Amino acid sequence: ALLCQEMFRLDPSVPPIPFNEEVRLR
């Protein structure tokens, strides 16, 4: 929920990398 376009828009200093379900389940 946090790693969304709204956060990347509000704080451009955060790298705009969305959540990756595959990494979690690896």
PDB file of all heavy atoms in Angstrom:
ATOM      1  N   ALA A   1       0.832  -1.222   0.000  1.00  0.00           N
ATOM      2  CA  ALA A   1       0.000   0.000   0.000  1.00  0.00           C
ATOM      3  C   ALA A   1       0.856   1.258   0.000  1.00  0.00           C
ATOM      4  O   ALA A   1       0.549   2.237  -0.692  1.00  0.00           O
ATOM      5  CB  ALA A   1      -0.922  -0.017   1.218  1.00  0.00           C
ATOM      6  N   LEU A   2       1.940   1.240   0.764  1.00  0.00           N
ATOM      7  CA  LEU A   2       2.781   2.437   0.873  1.00  0.00           C
ATOM      8  C   LEU A   2       3.588   2.700  -0.393  1.00  0.00           C
ATOM      9  O   LEU A   2       3.789   3.857  -0.779  1.00  0.00           O
ATOM     10  CB  LEU A   2       3.736   2.300   2.066  1.00  0.00           C
ATOM     11  CG  LEU A   2       3.101   2.391   3.457  1.00  0.00           C
ATOM     12  CD1 LEU A   2       4.129   2.030   4.519  1.00  0.00           C
ATOM     13  CD2 LEU A   2       2.527   3.773   3.726  1.00  0.00           C
ATOM     14  N   LEU A   3       4.050   1.637  -1.040  1.00  0.00           N
ATOM     15  CA  LEU A   3       4.906   1.796  -2.223  1.00  0.00           C
ATOM     16  C   LEU A   3       4.052   2.043  -3.462  1.00  0.00           C
ATOM     17  O   LEU A   3       4.001   1.246  -4.392  1.00  0.00           O
ATOM     18  CB  LEU A   3       5.791   0.551  -2.397  1.00  0.00           C
ATOM     19  CG  LEU A   3       6.783   0.322  -1.247  1.00  0.00           C
ATOM     20  CD1 LEU A   3       7.438  -1.046  -1.380  1.00  0.00           C
ATOM     21  CD2 LEU A   3       7.832   1.423  -1.203  1.00  0.00           C
ATOM     22  N   CYS A   4       3.388   3.192  -3.451  1.00  0.00           N
ATOM     23  CA  CYS A   4       2.430   3.507  -4.508  1.00  0.00           C
ATOM     24  C   CYS A   4       2.796   4.849  -5.159  1.00  0.00           C
ATOM     25  O   CYS A   4       3.633   5.598  -4.649  1.00  0.00           O
ATOM     26  CB  CYS A   4       1.014   3.579  -3.933  1.00  0.00           C
ATOM     27  SG  CYS A   4       0.792   4.920  -2.731  1.00  0.00           S
ATOM     28  N   GLN A   5       2.140   5.153  -6.262  1.00  0.00           N
ATOM     29  CA  GLN A   5       2.436   6.395  -6.991  1.00  0.00           C
ATOM     30  C   GLN A   5       2.220   7.630  -6.129  1.00  0.00           C
ATOM     31  O   GLN A   5       2.923   8.633  -6.284  1.00  0.00           O
ATOM     32  CB  GLN A   5       1.569   6.478  -8.259  1.00  0.00           C
ATOM     33  CG  GLN A   5       1.956   5.483  -9.330  1.00  0.00           C
ATOM     34  CD  GLN A   5       3.425   5.591  -9.716  1.00  0.00           C
ATOM     35  OE1 GLN A   5       3.964   6.686  -9.882  1.00  0.00           O
ATOM     36  NE2 GLN A   5       4.099   4.454  -9.848  1.00  0.00           N
ATOM     37  N   GLU A   6       1.262   7.576  -5.218  1.00  0.00           N
ATOM     38  CA  GLU A   6       0.988   8.731  -4.353  1.00  0.00           C
ATOM     39  C   GLU A   6       2.213   9.074  -3.505  1.00  0.00           C
ATOM     40  O   GLU A   6       2.570  10.245  -3.348  1.00  0.00           O
ATOM     41  CB  GLU A   6      -0.225   8.441  -3.469  1.00  0.00           C
ATOM     42  CG  GLU A   6      -0.644   9.584  -2.571  1.00  0.00           C
ATOM     43  CD  GLU A   6      -1.288  10.761  -3.300  1.00  0.00           C
ATOM     44  OE1 GLU A   6      -1.414  10.722  -4.557  1.00  0.00           O
ATOM     45  OE2 GLU A   6      -1.660  11.734  -2.628  1.00  0.00           O
ATOM     46  N   MET A   7       2.868   8.054  -2.939  1.00  0.00           N
ATOM     47  CA  MET A   7       4.065   8.328  -2.135  1.00  0.00           C
ATOM     48  C   MET A   7       5.205   8.851  -3.010  1.00  0.00           C
ATOM     49  O   MET A   7       5.894   9.798  -2.641  1.00  0.00           O
ATOM     50  CB  MET A   7       4.541   7.089  -1.376  1.00  0.00           C
ATOM     51  CG  MET A   7       5.723   7.423  -0.457  1.00  0.00           C
ATOM     52  SD  MET A   7       6.306   6.063   0.554  1.00  0.00           S
ATOM     53  CE  MET A   7       7.133   5.062  -0.681  1.00  0.00           C
ATOM     54  N   PHE A   8       5.384   8.251  -4.179  1.00  0.00           N
ATOM     55  CA  PHE A   8       6.460   8.691  -5.068  1.00  0.00           C
ATOM     56  C   PHE A   8       6.220  10.127  -5.551  1.00  0.00           C
ATOM     57  O   PHE A   8       7.163  10.889  -5.777  1.00  0.00           O
ATOM     58  CB  PHE A   8       6.595   7.743  -6.255  1.00  0.00           C
ATOM     59  CG  PHE A   8       6.770   6.289  -5.858  1.00  0.00           C
ATOM     60  CD1 PHE A   8       6.189   5.271  -6.600  1.00  0.00           C
ATOM     61  CD2 PHE A   8       7.515   5.939  -4.736  1.00  0.00           C
ATOM     62  CE1 PHE A   8       6.350   3.943  -6.242  1.00  0.00           C
ATOM     63  CE2 PHE A   8       7.677   4.606  -4.362  1.00  0.00           C
ATOM     64  CZ  PHE A   8       7.097   3.609  -5.122  1.00  0.00           C
ATOM     65  N   ARG A   9       4.942  10.496  -5.675  1.00  0.00           N
ATOM     66  CA  ARG A   9       4.597  11.859  -6.092  1.00  0.00           C
ATOM     67  C   ARG A   9       4.851  12.855  -4.956  1.00  0.00           C
ATOM     68  O   ARG A   9       5.404  13.932  -5.159  1.00  0.00           O
ATOM     69  CB  ARG A   9       3.126  11.914  -6.508  1.00  0.00           C
ATOM     70  CG  ARG A   9       2.658  13.270  -7.006  1.00  0.00           C
ATOM     71  CD  ARG A   9       1.169  13.270  -7.317  1.00  0.00           C
ATOM     72  NE  ARG A   9       0.333  13.173  -6.133  1.00  0.00           N
ATOM     73  CZ  ARG A   9       0.070  14.198  -5.307  1.00  0.00           C
ATOM     74  NH1 ARG A   9       0.593  15.399  -5.523  1.00  0.00           N
ATOM     75  NH2 ARG A   9      -0.708  14.018  -4.267  1.00  0.00           N
ATOM     76  N   LEU A  10       4.446  12.476  -3.737  1.00  0.00           N
ATOM     77  CA  LEU A  10       4.589  13.372  -2.588  1.00  0.00           C
ATOM     78  C   LEU A  10       6.043  13.547  -2.161  1.00  0.00           C
ATOM     79  O   LEU A  10       6.423  14.588  -1.638  1.00  0.00           O
ATOM     80  CB  LEU A  10       3.769  12.834  -1.403  1.00  0.00           C
ATOM     81  CG  LEU A  10       2.255  12.937  -1.525  1.00  0.00           C
ATOM     82  CD1 LEU A  10       1.573  12.123  -0.431  1.00  0.00           C
ATOM     83  CD2 LEU A  10       1.800  14.390  -1.462  1.00  0.00           C
ATOM     84  N   ASP A  11       6.860  12.514  -2.362  1.00  0.00           N
ATOM     85  CA  ASP A  11       8.267  12.588  -1.974  1.00  0.00           C
ATOM     86  C   ASP A  11       9.140  12.059  -3.110  1.00  0.00           C
ATOM     87  O   ASP A  11       9.465  10.872  -3.164  1.00  0.00           O
ATOM     88  CB  ASP A  11       8.518  11.780  -0.695  1.00  0.00           C
ATOM     89  CG  ASP A  11       9.936  11.993  -0.155  1.00  0.00           C
ATOM     90  OD1 ASP A  11      10.760  12.585  -0.883  1.00  0.00           O
ATOM     91  OD2 ASP A  11      10.210  11.570   0.984  1.00  0.00           O
ATOM     92  N   PRO A  12       9.533  12.940  -4.023  1.00  0.00           N
ATOM     93  CA  PRO A  12      10.322  12.522  -5.190  1.00  0.00           C
ATOM     94  C   PRO A  12      11.714  11.996  -4.833  1.00  0.00           C
ATOM     95  O   PRO A  12      12.391  11.428  -5.690  1.00  0.00           O
ATOM     96  CB  PRO A  12      10.439  13.804  -6.029  1.00  0.00           C
ATOM     97  CG  PRO A  12       9.375  14.720  -5.505  1.00  0.00           C
ATOM     98  CD  PRO A  12       9.201  14.372  -4.067  1.00  0.00           C
ATOM     99  N   SER A  13      12.134  12.161  -3.570  1.00  0.00           N
ATOM    100  CA  SER A  13      13.453  11.647  -3.177  1.00  0.00           C
ATOM    101  C   SER A  13      13.439  10.131  -2.970  1.00  0.00           C
ATOM    102  O   SER A  13      14.491   9.499  -2.876  1.00  0.00           O
ATOM    103  CB  SER A  13      13.931  12.336  -1.891  1.00  0.00           C
ATOM    104  OG  SER A  13      13.186  11.880  -0.779  1.00  0.00           O
ATOM    105  N   VAL A  14      12.238   9.546  -2.885  1.00  0.00           N
ATOM    106  CA  VAL A  14      12.116   8.096  -2.716  1.00  0.00           C
ATOM    107  C   VAL A  14      12.143   7.432  -4.094  1.00  0.00           C
ATOM    108  O   VAL A  14      11.377   7.814  -4.975  1.00  0.00           O
ATOM    109  CB  VAL A  14      10.796   7.739  -1.990  1.00  0.00           C
ATOM    110  CG1 VAL A  14      10.585   6.229  -1.939  1.00  0.00           C
ATOM    111  CG2 VAL A  14      10.798   8.321  -0.588  1.00  0.00           C
ATOM    112  N   PRO A  15      13.025   6.432  -4.310  1.00  0.00           N
ATOM    113  CA  PRO A  15      13.049   5.746  -5.614  1.00  0.00           C
ATOM    114  C   PRO A  15      11.680   5.132  -5.931  1.00  0.00           C
ATOM    115  O   PRO A  15      11.115   4.438  -5.084  1.00  0.00           O
ATOM    116  CB  PRO A  15      14.097   4.643  -5.412  1.00  0.00           C
ATOM    117  CG  PRO A  15      14.937   5.115  -4.272  1.00  0.00           C
ATOM    118  CD  PRO A  15      14.035   5.918  -3.389  1.00  0.00           C
ATOM    119  N   PRO A  16      11.128   5.406  -7.119  1.00  0.00           N
ATOM    120  CA  PRO A  16       9.759   4.944  -7.445  1.00  0.00           C
ATOM    121  C   PRO A  16       9.719   3.459  -7.835  1.00  0.00           C
ATOM    122  O   PRO A  16       9.400   3.104  -8.954  1.00  0.00           O
ATOM    123  CB  PRO A  16       9.362   5.852  -8.611  1.00  0.00           C
ATOM    124  CG  PRO A  16      10.666   6.173  -9.273  1.00  0.00           C
ATOM    125  CD  PRO A  16      11.701   6.231  -8.189  1.00  0.00           C
ATOM    126  N   ILE A  17      10.045   2.608  -6.872  1.00  0.00           N
ATOM    127  CA  ILE A  17      10.071   1.160  -7.120  1.00  0.00           C
ATOM    128  C   ILE A  17       8.877   0.533  -6.406  1.00  0.00           C
ATOM    129  O   ILE A  17       8.826   0.517  -5.170  1.00  0.00           O
ATOM    130  CB  ILE A  17      11.371   0.537  -6.589  1.00  0.00           C
ATOM    131  CG1 ILE A  17      12.586   1.260  -7.164  1.00  0.00           C
ATOM    132  CG2 ILE A  17      11.423  -0.955  -6.902  1.00  0.00           C
ATOM    133  CD1 ILE A  17      13.893   0.921  -6.476  1.00  0.00           C
ATOM    134  N   PRO A  18       7.906   0.021  -7.155  1.00  0.00           N
ATOM    135  CA  PRO A  18       6.714  -0.556  -6.501  1.00  0.00           C
ATOM    136  C   PRO A  18       7.024  -1.866  -5.786  1.00  0.00           C
ATOM    137  O   PRO A  18       8.114  -2.437  -5.930  1.00  0.00           O
ATOM    138  CB  PRO A  18       5.740  -0.775  -7.663  1.00  0.00           C
ATOM    139  CG  PRO A  18       6.599  -0.847  -8.879  1.00  0.00           C
ATOM    140  CD  PRO A  18       7.809  -0.009  -8.612  1.00  0.00           C
ATOM    141  N   PHE A  19       6.071  -2.328  -5.027  1.00  0.00           N
ATOM    142  CA  PHE A  19       6.193  -3.594  -4.283  1.00  0.00           C
ATOM    143  C   PHE A  19       6.300  -4.757  -5.261  1.00  0.00           C
ATOM    144  O   PHE A  19       5.585  -4.808  -6.259  1.00  0.00           O
ATOM    145  CB  PHE A  19       4.951  -3.770  -3.404  1.00  0.00           C
ATOM    146  CG  PHE A  19       4.995  -4.960  -2.499  1.00  0.00           C
ATOM    147  CD1 PHE A  19       5.666  -4.902  -1.292  1.00  0.00           C
ATOM    148  CD2 PHE A  19       4.354  -6.142  -2.846  1.00  0.00           C
ATOM    149  CE1 PHE A  19       5.697  -5.996  -0.438  1.00  0.00           C
ATOM    150  CE2 PHE A  19       4.377  -7.239  -2.007  1.00  0.00           C
ATOM    151  CZ  PHE A  19       5.049  -7.162  -0.799  1.00  0.00           C
ATOM    152  N   ASN A  20       7.205  -5.690  -4.981  1.00  0.00           N
ATOM    153  CA  ASN A  20       7.409  -6.843  -5.862  1.00  0.00           C
ATOM    154  C   ASN A  20       7.026  -8.121  -5.120  1.00  0.00           C
ATOM    155  O   ASN A  20       7.760  -8.594  -4.253  1.00  0.00           O
ATOM    156  CB  ASN A  20       8.878  -6.899  -6.309  1.00  0.00           C
ATOM    157  CG  ASN A  20       9.114  -7.967  -7.365  1.00  0.00           C
ATOM    158  OD1 ASN A  20       8.398  -8.959  -7.438  1.00  0.00           O
ATOM    159  ND2 ASN A  20      10.132  -7.759  -8.186  1.00  0.00           N
ATOM    160  N   GLU A  21       5.870  -8.663  -5.458  1.00  0.00           N
ATOM    161  CA  GLU A  21       5.358  -9.863  -4.792  1.00  0.00           C
ATOM    162  C   GLU A  21       6.298 -11.062  -4.985  1.00  0.00           C
ATOM    163  O   GLU A  21       6.457 -11.890  -4.089  1.00  0.00           O
ATOM    164  CB  GLU A  21       3.975 -10.208  -5.356  1.00  0.00           C
ATOM    165  CG  GLU A  21       3.177 -11.182  -4.518  1.00  0.00           C
ATOM    166  CD  GLU A  21       2.573 -10.557  -3.267  1.00  0.00           C
ATOM    167  OE1 GLU A  21       2.023  -9.442  -3.365  1.00  0.00           O
ATOM    168  OE2 GLU A  21       2.679 -11.180  -2.208  1.00  0.00           O
ATOM    169  N   GLU A  22       6.953 -11.124  -6.136  1.00  0.00           N
ATOM    170  CA  GLU A  22       7.836 -12.259  -6.413  1.00  0.00           C
ATOM    171  C   GLU A  22       9.033 -12.290  -5.462  1.00  0.00           C
ATOM    172  O   GLU A  22       9.467 -13.353  -5.029  1.00  0.00           O
ATOM    173  CB  GLU A  22       8.331 -12.209  -7.865  1.00  0.00           C
ATOM    174  CG  GLU A  22       7.257 -12.593  -8.869  1.00  0.00           C
ATOM    175  CD  GLU A  22       7.774 -12.494 -10.303  1.00  0.00           C
ATOM    176  OE1 GLU A  22       8.998 -12.581 -10.503  1.00  0.00           O
ATOM    177  OE2 GLU A  22       6.932 -12.327 -11.205  1.00  0.00           O
ATOM    178  N   VAL A  23       9.552 -11.114  -5.143  1.00  0.00           N
ATOM    179  CA  VAL A  23      10.678 -11.048  -4.215  1.00  0.00           C
ATOM    180  C   VAL A  23      10.249 -11.548  -2.840  1.00  0.00           C
ATOM    181  O   VAL A  23      10.966 -12.290  -2.173  1.00  0.00           O
ATOM    182  CB  VAL A  23      11.230  -9.605  -4.117  1.00  0.00           C
ATOM    183  CG1 VAL A  23      12.245  -9.478  -2.978  1.00  0.00           C
ATOM    184  CG2 VAL A  23      11.860  -9.201  -5.433  1.00  0.00           C
ATOM    185  N   ARG A  24       9.056 -11.157  -2.421  1.00  0.00           N
ATOM    186  CA  ARG A  24       8.559 -11.595  -1.098  1.00  0.00           C
ATOM    187  C   ARG A  24       8.406 -13.105  -1.046  1.00  0.00           C
ATOM    188  O   ARG A  24       8.705 -13.744  -0.035  1.00  0.00           O
ATOM    189  CB  ARG A  24       7.215 -10.929  -0.800  1.00  0.00           C
ATOM    190  CG  ARG A  24       6.646 -11.369   0.548  1.00  0.00           C
ATOM    191  CD  ARG A  24       5.446 -10.537   0.909  1.00  0.00           C
ATOM    192  NE  ARG A  24       4.213 -11.068   0.433  1.00  0.00           N
ATOM    193  CZ  ARG A  24       3.460 -11.940   1.121  1.00  0.00           C
ATOM    194  NH1 ARG A  24       3.872 -12.398   2.291  1.00  0.00           N
ATOM    195  NH2 ARG A  24       2.312 -12.356   0.630  1.00  0.00           N
ATOM    196  N   LEU A  25       7.917 -13.682  -2.132  1.00  0.00           N
ATOM    197  CA  LEU A  25       7.610 -15.116  -2.131  1.00  0.00           C
ATOM    198  C   LEU A  25       8.803 -15.976  -2.535  1.00  0.00           C
ATOM    199  O   LEU A  25       8.724 -17.197  -2.486  1.00  0.00           O
ATOM    200  CB  LEU A  25       6.424 -15.383  -3.051  1.00  0.00           C
ATOM    201  CG  LEU A  25       5.121 -14.689  -2.663  1.00  0.00           C
ATOM    202  CD1 LEU A  25       4.048 -14.917  -3.707  1.00  0.00           C
ATOM    203  CD2 LEU A  25       4.631 -15.169  -1.307  1.00  0.00           C
ATOM    204  N   ARG A  26       9.876 -15.356  -2.965  1.00  0.00           N
ATOM    205  CA  ARG A  26      11.039 -16.118  -3.408  1.00  0.00           C
ATOM    206  C   ARG A  26      11.561 -16.996  -2.279  1.00  0.00           C
ATOM    207  O   ARG A  26      11.744 -16.546  -1.150  1.00  0.00           O
ATOM    208  CB  ARG A  26      12.140 -15.158  -3.856  1.00  0.00           C
ATOM    209  CG  ARG A  26      13.278 -15.841  -4.636  1.00  0.00           C
ATOM    210  CD  ARG A  26      14.280 -14.795  -5.090  1.00  0.00           C
ATOM    211  NE  ARG A  26      13.699 -13.907  -6.084  1.00  0.00           N
ATOM    212  CZ  ARG A  26      14.156 -12.693  -6.353  1.00  0.00           C
ATOM    213  NH1 ARG A  26      15.173 -12.223  -5.655  1.00  0.00           N
ATOM    214  NH2 ARG A  26      13.604 -11.956  -7.276  1.00  0.00           N
TER     215      ARG A  26
END
